Protein backbone atom coordinates (compact mmCIF):
# COMPACT_ATOMS: atom_id res chain seq x y z
CA UNK A 1 -0.01 0.07 -0.08
CA UNK A 2 0.93 3.56 -0.21
CA UNK A 3 0.37 5.12 3.25
CA UNK A 4 3.74 6.95 3.10
CA UNK A 5 3.20 8.39 -0.40
CA UNK A 6 2.04 11.97 0.05
CA UNK A 7 -0.04 13.63 -2.60
CA UNK A 8 -1.18 17.36 -2.93
CA UNK A 9 -4.05 18.05 -5.15
CA UNK A 10 -4.41 21.72 -6.23
CA UNK A 11 -8.07 22.50 -6.75
CA UNK A 12 -11.33 20.89 -5.39
CA UNK A 13 -13.21 20.64 -8.67
CA UNK A 14 -14.85 17.37 -9.63
CA UNK A 15 -11.59 16.08 -11.04
CA UNK A 16 -9.57 17.00 -8.15
CA UNK A 17 -12.05 15.35 -5.70
CA UNK A 18 -12.53 12.23 -7.93
CA UNK A 19 -8.74 11.79 -7.95
CA UNK A 20 -8.34 12.35 -4.03
CA UNK A 21 -11.10 9.87 -3.37
CA UNK A 22 -9.47 7.12 -5.62
CA UNK A 23 -5.91 7.74 -4.12
CA UNK A 24 -7.17 7.88 -0.61
CA UNK A 25 -9.10 4.76 -0.87
CA UNK A 26 -5.85 3.15 -2.34
CA UNK A 27 -3.86 4.25 0.75
CA UNK A 28 -2.10 7.47 -0.42
CA UNK A 29 -1.93 10.46 2.09
CA UNK A 30 -3.85 13.13 0.04
CA UNK A 31 -4.38 16.72 0.79
CA UNK A 32 -6.54 18.72 -1.49
CA UNK A 33 -5.97 22.46 -1.41
CA UNK A 34 -8.68 24.93 -2.66
CA UNK A 35 -8.30 28.70 -3.00
CA UNK A 36 -12.17 29.20 -2.66
CA UNK A 37 -14.15 29.10 0.44
CA UNK A 38 -16.20 26.20 -0.87
CA UNK A 39 -15.18 23.02 -2.91
CA UNK A 40 -16.75 22.04 -6.19
CA UNK A 41 -14.96 24.20 -8.78
CA UNK A 42 -17.24 25.49 -11.51
CA UNK A 43 -19.87 23.08 -9.86
CA UNK A 44 -20.46 25.45 -7.17
CA UNK A 45 -23.59 26.58 -5.33
CA UNK A 46 -25.10 29.62 -3.58
CA UNK A 47 -28.35 30.48 -1.81
CA UNK A 48 -30.23 33.79 -1.68
CA UNK A 49 -33.55 34.76 -0.17
CA UNK A 50 -34.73 31.16 -0.05
CA UNK A 51 -33.58 30.25 -3.49
CA UNK A 52 -30.64 27.52 -4.06
CA UNK A 53 -28.70 27.89 -7.32
CA UNK A 54 -26.38 25.49 -8.81
CA UNK A 55 -23.85 27.92 -10.23
CA UNK A 56 -22.45 26.05 -13.21
CA UNK A 57 -23.06 22.55 -14.67
CA UNK A 58 -26.70 21.63 -14.87
CA UNK A 59 -26.86 18.67 -17.19
CA UNK A 60 -26.40 15.12 -15.53
CA UNK A 61 -25.56 13.12 -18.70
CA UNK A 62 -23.52 9.92 -19.24
CA UNK A 63 -25.14 7.96 -16.04
CA UNK A 64 -23.21 4.94 -16.95
CA UNK A 65 -19.87 6.76 -16.34
CA UNK A 66 -20.95 8.04 -12.89
CA UNK A 67 -21.98 4.55 -11.98
CA UNK A 68 -18.55 3.22 -13.02
CA UNK A 69 -16.82 5.66 -10.79
CA UNK A 70 -18.97 4.90 -7.71
CA UNK A 71 -18.60 1.21 -8.42
CA UNK A 72 -14.65 1.71 -8.36
CA UNK A 73 -15.03 3.24 -4.94
CA UNK A 74 -17.38 0.31 -3.82
CA UNK A 75 -20.19 2.83 -3.19
CA UNK A 76 -23.83 2.46 -4.34
CA UNK A 77 -24.74 5.50 -6.27
CA UNK A 78 -28.21 5.38 -5.32
CA UNK A 79 -27.36 5.62 -1.62
CA UNK A 80 -25.64 8.93 -2.54
CA UNK A 81 -27.65 10.52 -5.10
CA UNK A 82 -31.54 10.60 -5.77
CA UNK A 83 -31.56 10.48 -9.51
CA UNK A 84 -34.58 11.54 -11.39
CA UNK A 85 -34.77 10.89 -15.15
CA UNK A 86 -36.26 13.85 -16.88
CA UNK A 87 -39.37 13.66 -19.15
CA UNK A 88 -39.19 15.42 -21.48
CA UNK A 89 -35.44 15.67 -21.52
CA UNK A 90 -35.56 19.21 -22.92
CA UNK A 91 -37.74 21.66 -24.71
CA UNK A 92 -36.37 23.37 -27.85
CA UNK A 93 -37.50 26.80 -29.32
CA UNK A 94 -37.12 27.50 -32.79
CA UNK A 95 -38.02 31.35 -32.99
CA UNK A 96 -39.46 32.35 -36.39
CA UNK A 97 -40.44 28.74 -37.13
CA UNK A 98 -44.11 29.31 -38.34
CA UNK A 99 -44.90 25.47 -38.15
CA UNK A 100 -42.93 24.01 -35.19
CA UNK A 101 -41.64 26.94 -32.89
CA UNK A 102 -41.59 24.72 -29.80
CA UNK A 103 -40.85 20.88 -29.59
CA UNK A 104 -40.06 18.51 -26.87
CA UNK A 105 -37.29 16.06 -26.97
CA UNK A 106 -38.07 13.04 -24.66
CA UNK A 107 -34.99 10.57 -25.20
CA UNK A 108 -37.65 8.15 -26.16
CA UNK A 109 -37.13 7.23 -29.75
CA UNK A 110 -40.72 6.36 -30.66
CA UNK A 111 -41.86 9.74 -29.29
CA UNK A 112 -38.88 11.73 -30.80
CA UNK A 113 -39.25 10.22 -34.23
CA UNK A 114 -42.64 11.50 -34.50
CA UNK A 115 -41.13 15.08 -33.87
CA UNK A 116 -38.25 14.64 -36.34
CA UNK A 117 -40.36 13.20 -39.05
CA UNK A 118 -42.42 16.41 -38.94
CA UNK A 119 -39.19 18.23 -39.74
CA UNK A 120 -37.94 15.65 -42.41
CA UNK A 121 -40.35 13.16 -43.71
CA UNK A 122 -38.79 9.72 -44.06
CA UNK A 123 -36.09 10.43 -41.56
CA UNK A 124 -36.90 7.70 -39.10
CA UNK A 125 -34.77 4.94 -40.71
CA UNK A 126 -31.84 7.29 -41.03
CA UNK A 127 -32.09 8.33 -37.46
CA UNK A 128 -32.14 4.82 -36.24
CA UNK A 129 -29.14 3.81 -38.35
CA UNK A 130 -27.17 6.81 -37.23
CA UNK A 131 -27.93 6.20 -33.54
CA UNK A 132 -26.91 2.50 -33.99
CA UNK A 133 -23.59 3.53 -35.28
CA UNK A 134 -23.16 6.18 -32.90
CA UNK A 135 -23.77 3.76 -29.95
CA UNK A 136 -21.26 1.27 -31.38
CA UNK A 137 -18.66 4.03 -31.62
CA UNK A 138 -19.60 5.17 -27.99
CA UNK A 139 -18.97 1.63 -26.62
CA UNK A 140 -15.79 1.50 -28.58
CA UNK A 141 -14.59 4.93 -27.26
CA UNK A 142 -15.23 3.77 -23.69
CA UNK A 143 -13.47 0.42 -24.21
CA UNK A 144 -10.37 1.65 -26.11
CA UNK A 145 -9.92 5.45 -26.09
CA UNK A 146 -11.53 7.46 -23.12
CA UNK A 147 -9.75 5.45 -20.43
CA UNK A 148 -6.45 5.45 -22.05
CA UNK A 149 -3.45 7.65 -21.11
CA UNK A 150 -1.35 9.07 -24.03
CA UNK A 151 2.07 10.04 -23.93
CA UNK A 152 2.78 11.67 -27.38
CA UNK A 153 1.13 11.87 -30.92
CA UNK A 154 3.13 8.78 -32.02
CA UNK A 155 0.59 6.78 -29.67
CA UNK A 156 -2.09 7.33 -32.25
CA UNK A 157 -0.06 5.50 -34.75
CA UNK A 158 -0.02 2.48 -32.76
CA UNK A 159 -1.65 -0.43 -34.65
CA UNK A 160 -4.44 -1.12 -32.05
CA UNK A 161 -5.53 2.57 -31.88
CA UNK A 162 -5.35 3.12 -35.66
CA UNK A 163 -7.36 -0.07 -36.37
CA UNK A 164 -10.04 0.96 -34.00
CA UNK A 165 -9.78 4.68 -34.53
CA UNK A 166 -10.79 4.45 -38.20
CA UNK A 167 -14.15 3.53 -37.11
CA UNK A 168 -14.62 6.76 -35.14
CA UNK A 169 -14.55 9.23 -37.92
CA UNK A 170 -11.54 11.20 -36.44
CA UNK A 171 -10.70 13.44 -39.50
CA UNK A 172 -14.09 14.46 -40.60
CA UNK A 173 -16.11 17.26 -38.91
CA UNK A 174 -19.52 17.07 -37.33
CA UNK A 175 -20.87 19.50 -39.86
CA UNK A 176 -19.72 17.42 -42.86
CA UNK A 177 -20.76 14.12 -41.19
CA UNK A 178 -24.40 15.36 -40.36
CA UNK A 179 -24.78 16.81 -43.90
CA UNK A 180 -24.32 13.33 -45.28
CA UNK A 181 -27.06 11.94 -43.12
CA UNK A 182 -29.62 14.80 -42.81
CA UNK A 183 -31.16 17.56 -44.75
CA UNK A 184 -33.40 19.78 -42.33
CA UNK A 185 -31.62 22.39 -40.43
CA UNK A 186 -33.80 21.73 -37.36
CA UNK A 187 -32.79 18.04 -37.22
CA UNK A 188 -29.05 19.00 -37.48
CA UNK A 189 -29.39 21.75 -34.70
CA UNK A 190 -30.84 19.06 -32.32
CA UNK A 191 -27.88 16.99 -33.18
CA UNK A 192 -25.46 19.62 -32.88
CA UNK A 193 -26.34 21.60 -29.72
CA UNK A 194 -24.50 19.00 -27.37
CA UNK A 195 -21.20 20.35 -29.01
CA UNK A 196 -21.43 23.59 -27.01
CA UNK A 197 -20.90 21.32 -23.97
CA UNK A 198 -17.72 20.63 -25.57
CA UNK A 199 -16.83 24.34 -26.09
CA UNK A 200 -16.72 23.91 -29.98
CA UNK A 201 -18.67 24.39 -33.05
CA UNK A 202 -19.91 21.96 -35.72
CA UNK A 203 -17.47 22.93 -38.50
CA UNK A 204 -14.38 22.25 -36.10
CA UNK A 205 -15.45 19.36 -33.90
CA UNK A 206 -14.45 15.82 -34.94
CA UNK A 207 -17.32 13.64 -36.26
CA UNK A 208 -16.24 11.18 -33.40
CA UNK A 209 -18.34 13.45 -31.16
CA UNK A 210 -21.53 12.05 -32.80
CA UNK A 211 -21.35 9.62 -29.75
CA UNK A 212 -22.87 12.60 -27.83
CA UNK A 213 -26.23 11.90 -29.81
CA UNK A 214 -26.19 8.35 -28.67
CA UNK A 215 -25.74 9.45 -25.12
CA UNK A 216 -28.59 12.01 -25.46
CA UNK A 217 -31.12 9.79 -27.16
CA UNK A 218 -30.24 6.45 -25.44
CA UNK A 219 -29.55 7.34 -21.76
CA UNK A 220 -31.68 10.63 -21.43
CA UNK A 221 -31.05 13.26 -19.09
CA UNK A 222 -30.98 12.97 -15.31
CA UNK A 223 -31.21 15.30 -12.23
CA UNK A 224 -30.04 14.64 -8.77
CA UNK A 225 -32.64 15.85 -6.20
CA UNK A 226 -31.08 18.76 -4.35
CA UNK A 227 -29.19 19.87 -7.20
CA UNK A 228 -25.80 19.26 -8.98
CA UNK A 229 -24.04 20.22 -5.84
CA UNK A 230 -25.15 16.95 -4.29
CA UNK A 231 -22.45 15.31 -6.44
CA UNK A 232 -19.86 17.43 -4.79
CA UNK A 233 -21.15 16.66 -1.40
CA UNK A 234 -21.13 12.93 -2.32
CA UNK A 235 -17.49 13.12 -3.37
CA UNK A 236 -16.66 15.01 -0.07
CA UNK A 237 -18.28 12.21 1.76
CA UNK A 238 -16.21 9.56 0.08
CA UNK A 239 -13.10 11.58 0.66
CA UNK A 240 -13.80 11.96 4.24
CA UNK A 241 -14.47 8.18 4.64
CA UNK A 242 -10.87 7.57 3.32
CA UNK A 243 -9.09 10.26 5.19
CA UNK A 244 -8.47 12.96 2.59
CA UNK A 245 -7.62 16.31 4.08
CA UNK A 246 -9.35 19.26 2.42
CA UNK A 247 -8.06 22.80 2.86
CA UNK A 248 -10.43 25.56 1.59
CA UNK A 249 -9.88 29.16 1.38
CA UNK A 250 -6.18 28.42 0.91
CA UNK A 251 -4.29 29.64 -2.38
CA UNK A 252 -1.22 28.07 -3.87
CA UNK A 253 1.30 30.40 -5.02
CA UNK A 254 3.97 28.02 -6.44
CA UNK A 255 4.67 24.38 -7.40
CA UNK A 256 8.05 23.69 -5.85
CA UNK A 257 10.54 21.94 -8.16
CA UNK A 258 13.91 20.57 -7.12
CA UNK A 259 16.09 18.46 -9.61
CA UNK A 260 13.24 18.53 -12.14
CA UNK A 261 11.02 16.86 -9.68
CA UNK A 262 7.92 18.28 -7.84
CA UNK A 263 8.50 18.05 -4.28
CA UNK A 264 5.41 20.25 -2.89
CA UNK A 265 3.88 23.57 -3.10
CA UNK A 266 4.01 27.03 -1.49
CA UNK A 267 0.92 28.42 -0.20
CA UNK A 268 0.19 32.06 -0.67
CA UNK A 269 0.95 32.95 2.93
CA UNK A 270 4.56 31.45 2.45
CA UNK A 271 4.04 28.15 4.07
CA UNK A 272 5.64 25.14 2.15
CA UNK A 273 3.93 21.69 2.06
CA UNK A 274 6.00 18.84 0.86
CA UNK A 275 4.74 16.05 -0.97
CA UNK A 276 5.84 13.06 -3.22
CA UNK A 277 3.43 13.77 -5.94
CA UNK A 278 1.58 17.14 -7.13
CA UNK A 279 -1.49 16.92 -9.16
CA UNK A 280 -3.07 20.12 -10.36
CA UNK A 281 -6.79 20.40 -11.02
CA UNK A 282 -6.35 24.20 -11.23
CA UNK A 283 -6.85 25.91 -14.65
CA UNK A 284 -4.00 24.42 -16.97
CA UNK A 285 -2.91 27.84 -18.29
CA UNK A 286 -2.63 29.12 -14.65
CA UNK A 287 -0.83 26.00 -13.43
CA UNK A 288 1.72 26.12 -16.21
CA UNK A 289 2.46 29.73 -16.48
CA UNK A 290 1.80 31.04 -12.91
CA UNK A 291 2.48 28.16 -10.51
CA UNK A 292 5.46 26.86 -12.29
CA UNK A 293 7.82 29.79 -11.92
CA UNK A 294 10.68 28.75 -14.34
CA UNK A 295 10.03 28.70 -18.05
CA UNK A 296 12.43 25.67 -18.37
CA UNK A 297 9.94 23.63 -16.34
CA UNK A 298 6.66 24.55 -18.26
CA UNK A 299 5.33 21.98 -20.53
CA UNK A 300 2.79 24.42 -21.81
CA UNK A 301 4.46 27.90 -21.72
CA UNK A 302 2.53 31.13 -22.86
CA UNK A 303 3.44 30.61 -26.47
CA UNK A 304 1.43 27.42 -26.50
CA UNK A 305 -1.68 29.34 -25.05
CA UNK A 306 -1.38 32.02 -27.73
CA UNK A 307 -2.31 29.51 -30.32
CA UNK A 308 -4.73 27.44 -28.26
CA UNK A 309 -8.53 27.67 -29.02
CA UNK A 310 -10.56 28.25 -25.89
CA UNK A 311 -14.17 27.20 -25.34
CA UNK A 312 -16.59 29.86 -25.02
CA UNK A 313 -17.11 32.12 -21.92
CA UNK A 314 -20.68 32.77 -20.70
CA UNK A 315 -23.17 35.36 -19.54
CA UNK A 316 -25.26 33.78 -16.88
CA UNK A 317 -28.30 35.14 -14.90
CA UNK A 318 -29.54 33.51 -11.70
CA UNK A 319 -33.16 34.59 -11.38
CA UNK A 320 -35.59 33.87 -8.51
CA UNK A 321 -39.24 34.30 -9.46
CA UNK A 322 -42.06 35.30 -7.41
CA UNK A 323 -44.37 32.77 -9.27
CA UNK A 324 -44.27 29.61 -11.29
CA UNK A 325 -43.76 29.43 -15.03
CA UNK A 326 -45.39 25.98 -15.67
CA UNK A 327 -45.04 26.13 -19.55
CA UNK A 328 -41.21 25.77 -19.27
CA UNK A 329 -39.52 22.40 -18.42
CA UNK A 330 -36.44 21.50 -16.69
CA UNK A 331 -34.04 22.25 -19.68
CA UNK A 332 -35.01 24.65 -22.14
CA UNK A 333 -32.85 25.52 -25.39
CA UNK A 334 -33.64 28.62 -27.55
CA UNK A 335 -31.63 28.20 -30.92
CA UNK A 336 -30.49 31.06 -32.98
CA UNK A 337 -32.17 31.34 -36.28
CA UNK A 338 -28.71 31.94 -38.18
CA UNK A 339 -26.71 29.09 -36.58
CA UNK A 340 -23.49 29.64 -38.31
CA UNK A 341 -23.51 33.50 -37.58
CA UNK A 342 -23.95 32.75 -33.97
CA UNK A 343 -20.85 30.27 -34.08
CA UNK A 344 -18.81 33.04 -35.95
CA UNK A 345 -19.54 35.43 -33.03
CA UNK A 346 -18.23 32.84 -30.51
CA UNK A 347 -15.05 31.75 -32.26
CA UNK A 348 -14.13 33.60 -35.31
CA UNK A 349 -15.32 37.33 -34.99
CA UNK A 350 -15.76 37.77 -31.24
CA UNK A 351 -18.66 39.89 -30.18
CA UNK A 352 -21.74 39.63 -27.98
CA UNK A 353 -24.07 37.64 -30.22
CA UNK A 354 -26.82 39.54 -31.92
CA UNK A 355 -29.16 36.72 -32.19
CA UNK A 356 -27.95 34.38 -29.50
CA UNK A 357 -28.65 30.78 -28.74
CA UNK A 358 -29.25 30.53 -25.02
CA UNK A 359 -30.11 27.96 -22.63
CA UNK A 360 -32.68 28.32 -19.61
CA UNK A 361 -32.83 25.66 -16.85
CA UNK A 362 -35.85 25.56 -14.45
CA UNK A 363 -34.64 23.15 -11.81
CA UNK A 364 -37.72 23.78 -9.74
CA UNK A 365 -39.55 21.84 -12.42
CA UNK A 366 -38.25 18.75 -10.73
CA UNK A 367 -37.29 19.89 -7.43
CA UNK A 368 -39.56 22.24 -5.57
CA UNK A 369 -37.47 22.17 -2.46
CA UNK A 370 -34.82 24.49 -3.69
CA UNK A 371 -37.08 27.61 -3.66
CA UNK A 372 -39.95 29.03 -1.59
CA UNK A 373 -43.24 27.38 -2.19
CA UNK A 374 -45.08 28.43 -5.39
CA UNK A 375 -41.99 30.19 -6.95
CA UNK A 376 -39.70 29.17 -9.60
CA UNK A 377 -35.80 29.49 -10.26
CA UNK A 378 -34.45 30.28 -13.73
CA UNK A 379 -30.83 29.75 -14.62
CA UNK A 380 -30.20 31.53 -17.98
CA UNK A 381 -26.80 31.08 -19.94
CA UNK A 382 -25.75 32.63 -23.17
CA UNK A 383 -22.37 31.36 -24.62
CA UNK A 384 -20.11 34.20 -25.54
CA UNK A 385 -16.59 34.48 -26.96
CA UNK A 386 -13.84 33.81 -24.51
CA UNK A 387 -11.30 36.84 -24.00
CA UNK A 388 -13.76 39.52 -24.66
CA UNK A 389 -13.68 42.75 -22.66
CA UNK A 390 -17.26 43.60 -21.72
CA UNK A 391 -17.84 46.87 -19.88
CA UNK A 392 -20.49 47.47 -17.24
CA UNK A 393 -22.61 49.47 -19.49
CA UNK A 394 -22.36 46.60 -22.10
CA UNK A 395 -23.29 44.17 -19.44
CA UNK A 396 -26.44 46.24 -18.55
CA UNK A 397 -27.50 46.66 -22.23
CA UNK A 398 -26.96 42.92 -23.13
CA UNK A 399 -28.80 41.76 -19.92
CA UNK A 400 -31.75 43.90 -20.82
CA UNK A 401 -31.79 42.54 -24.50
CA UNK A 402 -31.75 38.86 -23.26
CA UNK A 403 -34.53 39.54 -20.81
CA UNK A 404 -36.54 41.08 -23.69
CA UNK A 405 -35.86 38.03 -25.81
CA UNK A 406 -36.92 35.65 -23.12
CA UNK A 407 -40.16 37.49 -22.73
CA UNK A 408 -40.84 37.05 -26.45
CA UNK A 409 -39.21 33.58 -27.12
CA UNK A 410 -40.41 31.81 -24.06
CA UNK A 411 -43.71 33.54 -23.69
CA UNK A 412 -42.87 35.29 -20.48
CA UNK A 413 -44.37 38.71 -21.05
CA UNK A 414 -44.23 39.73 -17.44
CA UNK A 415 -40.72 38.27 -16.64
CA UNK A 416 -39.15 41.60 -15.58
CA UNK A 417 -42.00 42.15 -13.02
CA UNK A 418 -41.77 38.54 -11.68
CA UNK A 419 -37.91 38.79 -10.83
CA UNK A 420 -37.64 39.09 -7.11
CA UNK A 421 -33.79 37.93 -7.02
CA UNK A 422 -31.23 38.38 -9.64
CA UNK A 423 -27.48 37.86 -10.07
CA UNK A 424 -25.37 37.92 -13.16
CA UNK A 425 -22.12 36.26 -13.83
CA UNK A 426 -19.62 37.04 -16.81
CA UNK A 427 -16.20 35.95 -17.98
CA UNK A 428 -14.31 38.19 -15.70
CA UNK A 429 -16.02 36.40 -12.88
CA UNK A 430 -14.81 33.00 -14.23
CA UNK A 431 -11.42 34.49 -14.30
CA UNK A 432 -11.57 35.70 -10.71
CA UNK A 433 -13.24 32.51 -9.07
CA UNK A 434 -11.35 29.91 -11.25
CA UNK A 435 -8.33 31.46 -12.75
CA UNK A 436 -10.02 30.75 -16.08
CA UNK A 437 -7.85 31.58 -19.10
CA UNK A 438 -9.64 34.33 -21.05
CA UNK A 439 -12.67 33.68 -18.73
CA UNK A 440 -13.68 30.56 -20.44
CA UNK A 441 -16.54 28.84 -18.96
CA UNK A 442 -15.34 25.35 -20.08
CA UNK A 443 -11.70 25.19 -20.85
CA UNK A 444 -10.05 24.21 -24.11
CA UNK A 445 -12.30 23.70 -27.15
CA UNK A 446 -12.67 20.20 -28.54
CA UNK A 447 -11.49 21.12 -32.09
CA UNK A 448 -9.87 18.35 -34.12
CA UNK A 449 -6.29 19.26 -33.16
CA UNK A 450 -7.15 19.96 -29.43
CA UNK A 451 -8.94 16.47 -29.31
CA UNK A 452 -6.23 14.47 -30.93
CA UNK A 453 -3.53 16.52 -29.24
CA UNK A 454 -5.13 17.44 -25.93
CA UNK A 455 -2.62 18.44 -23.28
CA UNK A 456 -1.57 15.08 -21.58
CA UNK A 457 -1.97 14.73 -17.91
CA UNK A 458 1.71 14.22 -17.17
CA UNK A 459 4.42 17.07 -17.18
CA UNK A 460 7.09 16.40 -19.66
CA UNK A 461 9.42 18.71 -17.85
CA UNK A 462 8.71 18.01 -14.27
CA UNK A 463 8.76 14.55 -12.74
CA UNK A 464 5.86 13.50 -10.36
CA UNK A 465 3.81 16.48 -11.65
CA UNK A 466 0.38 15.62 -13.02
CA UNK A 467 -2.83 17.25 -14.28
CA UNK A 468 -6.41 16.40 -13.99
CA UNK A 469 -9.71 18.07 -15.09
CA UNK A 470 -11.22 19.68 -18.22
CA UNK A 471 -7.83 21.10 -19.29
CA UNK A 472 -6.27 17.64 -19.99
CA UNK A 473 -7.44 14.23 -21.42
CA UNK A 474 -10.04 13.29 -22.08
CA UNK A 475 -11.52 16.75 -21.85
CA UNK A 476 -14.64 18.76 -20.76
CA UNK A 477 -17.70 17.77 -18.67
CA UNK A 478 -18.57 16.47 -15.19
CA UNK A 479 -18.60 12.61 -16.24
CA UNK A 480 -15.32 13.31 -18.49
CA UNK A 481 -13.54 14.86 -15.39
CA UNK A 482 -14.25 11.71 -13.51
CA UNK A 483 -12.69 9.76 -16.17
CA UNK A 484 -9.78 12.10 -15.97
CA UNK A 485 -9.59 11.40 -12.24
CA UNK A 486 -9.19 7.53 -13.07
CA UNK A 487 -6.51 8.46 -15.70
CA UNK A 488 -4.58 10.50 -13.09
CA UNK A 489 -4.94 7.56 -10.67
CA UNK A 490 -3.58 5.15 -13.45
CA UNK A 491 -0.45 7.48 -13.84
CA UNK A 492 0.48 7.26 -10.17
CA UNK A 493 -0.22 3.55 -10.10
CA UNK A 494 1.64 2.85 -13.37
CA UNK A 495 -1.27 1.12 -14.90
CA UNK A 496 -0.86 1.18 -18.62
CA UNK A 497 -3.89 -0.80 -20.05
CA UNK A 498 -6.53 1.34 -22.09
CA UNK A 499 -9.81 0.01 -20.44
CA UNK A 500 -11.80 1.18 -17.55
CA UNK A 501 -10.43 -0.01 -14.10
CA UNK A 502 -12.66 -2.78 -12.52
CA UNK A 503 -10.95 -2.25 -8.93
CA UNK A 504 -8.31 0.01 -7.68
CA UNK A 505 -5.62 -2.82 -7.69
CA UNK A 506 -5.44 -2.39 -11.48
């Protein structure tokens, strides 16, 4: 066992907490250091005037990946989380569509095919075939790719990876792939919206991410009663059980390196904590350019980030209403009429979107205990370009613009008068709270290059320094960060096989 091996994990996001739980259960002496007062990273929470708001992630997808992690911890997920499958999964608004301005997606293929047939008559057989292939690719991805550590681009030229990888459409874009299958723009938008979760756009995202459609339509969307933060509380409970030490409200100023080896960290107050291994769950740009002081020790120096494509930032509104809005469901998506122009504003010509796609979550649809009786919560998010400077006046004007859009698009004519609590959150808030490079809400975009050549989770310059979370392999999203935690565990335990672990002995 590894009782004498000390590990410091910087950052208590899902990836950091997941890694800590796995290592502590294995017998490592683990300390997690978090700069904020509360743990969870972007999956944070706050309460105000009787309303409880999840601050970041709100979609519980890939339930199979969550279950796998809890199984590894020898825990029953249902004893930790009270999961509810949403029905419908989400509601889609097509402004300006004279025939179908609003539709529900159920993650029930019989019901959903009725809807998609209205958009594109005769599409049912194509959807079934598309999702069958998508499902096969998802199983292949889990078996051979998602739980695999990569050390260099040469790994992709190994025979087993090349042989399996050809089936994953790695060099084709989602835009081109979907155009081969479907004609109707509404069908394609429903199949493309999940790419925003990956911080990318259809013309730049590898077609291998069609697996997201299988995840969406096959598994559906869940919600843990009490909110997403119950996942964080569950991870803390497992860490407490196995002896992890968690320090909050404590910033790290430097990763200490001696003889090209990570030997601990220096806290912002000057105190030094020694360790055998350091794992950073902090923003990768911040880790590499701020916490590693000498450029010779930086695997990803600033010149790397100058060329990196970051996923979007976001404008978020947390709204507490004095009434219920029963016609909205738990998840609501409003799609821009000019889809491609909206993506240009996010990636190519950064500006506040003129006709934005936006998302509204009404968690009180499923969970009435998080707000005063008879009142609803709305969480509204507009993806915006990373790295933009938005003045206070611009913020106010854009807030008013979006409120007016919601009044019209979502049939909420008296929305302004119904708001009794309001808080906004922008890119500079992501930068302040999470040291997020360019205020990104997600991390590095899953472009083709940044999928195949995503930063590895092991420093090439400093021994015993590792990374976990959305900035490294395999990427963005709560379940993906739990996979990242397993990959970090594999690194420390020197486990090289590419498959999911069945136990913590490898």
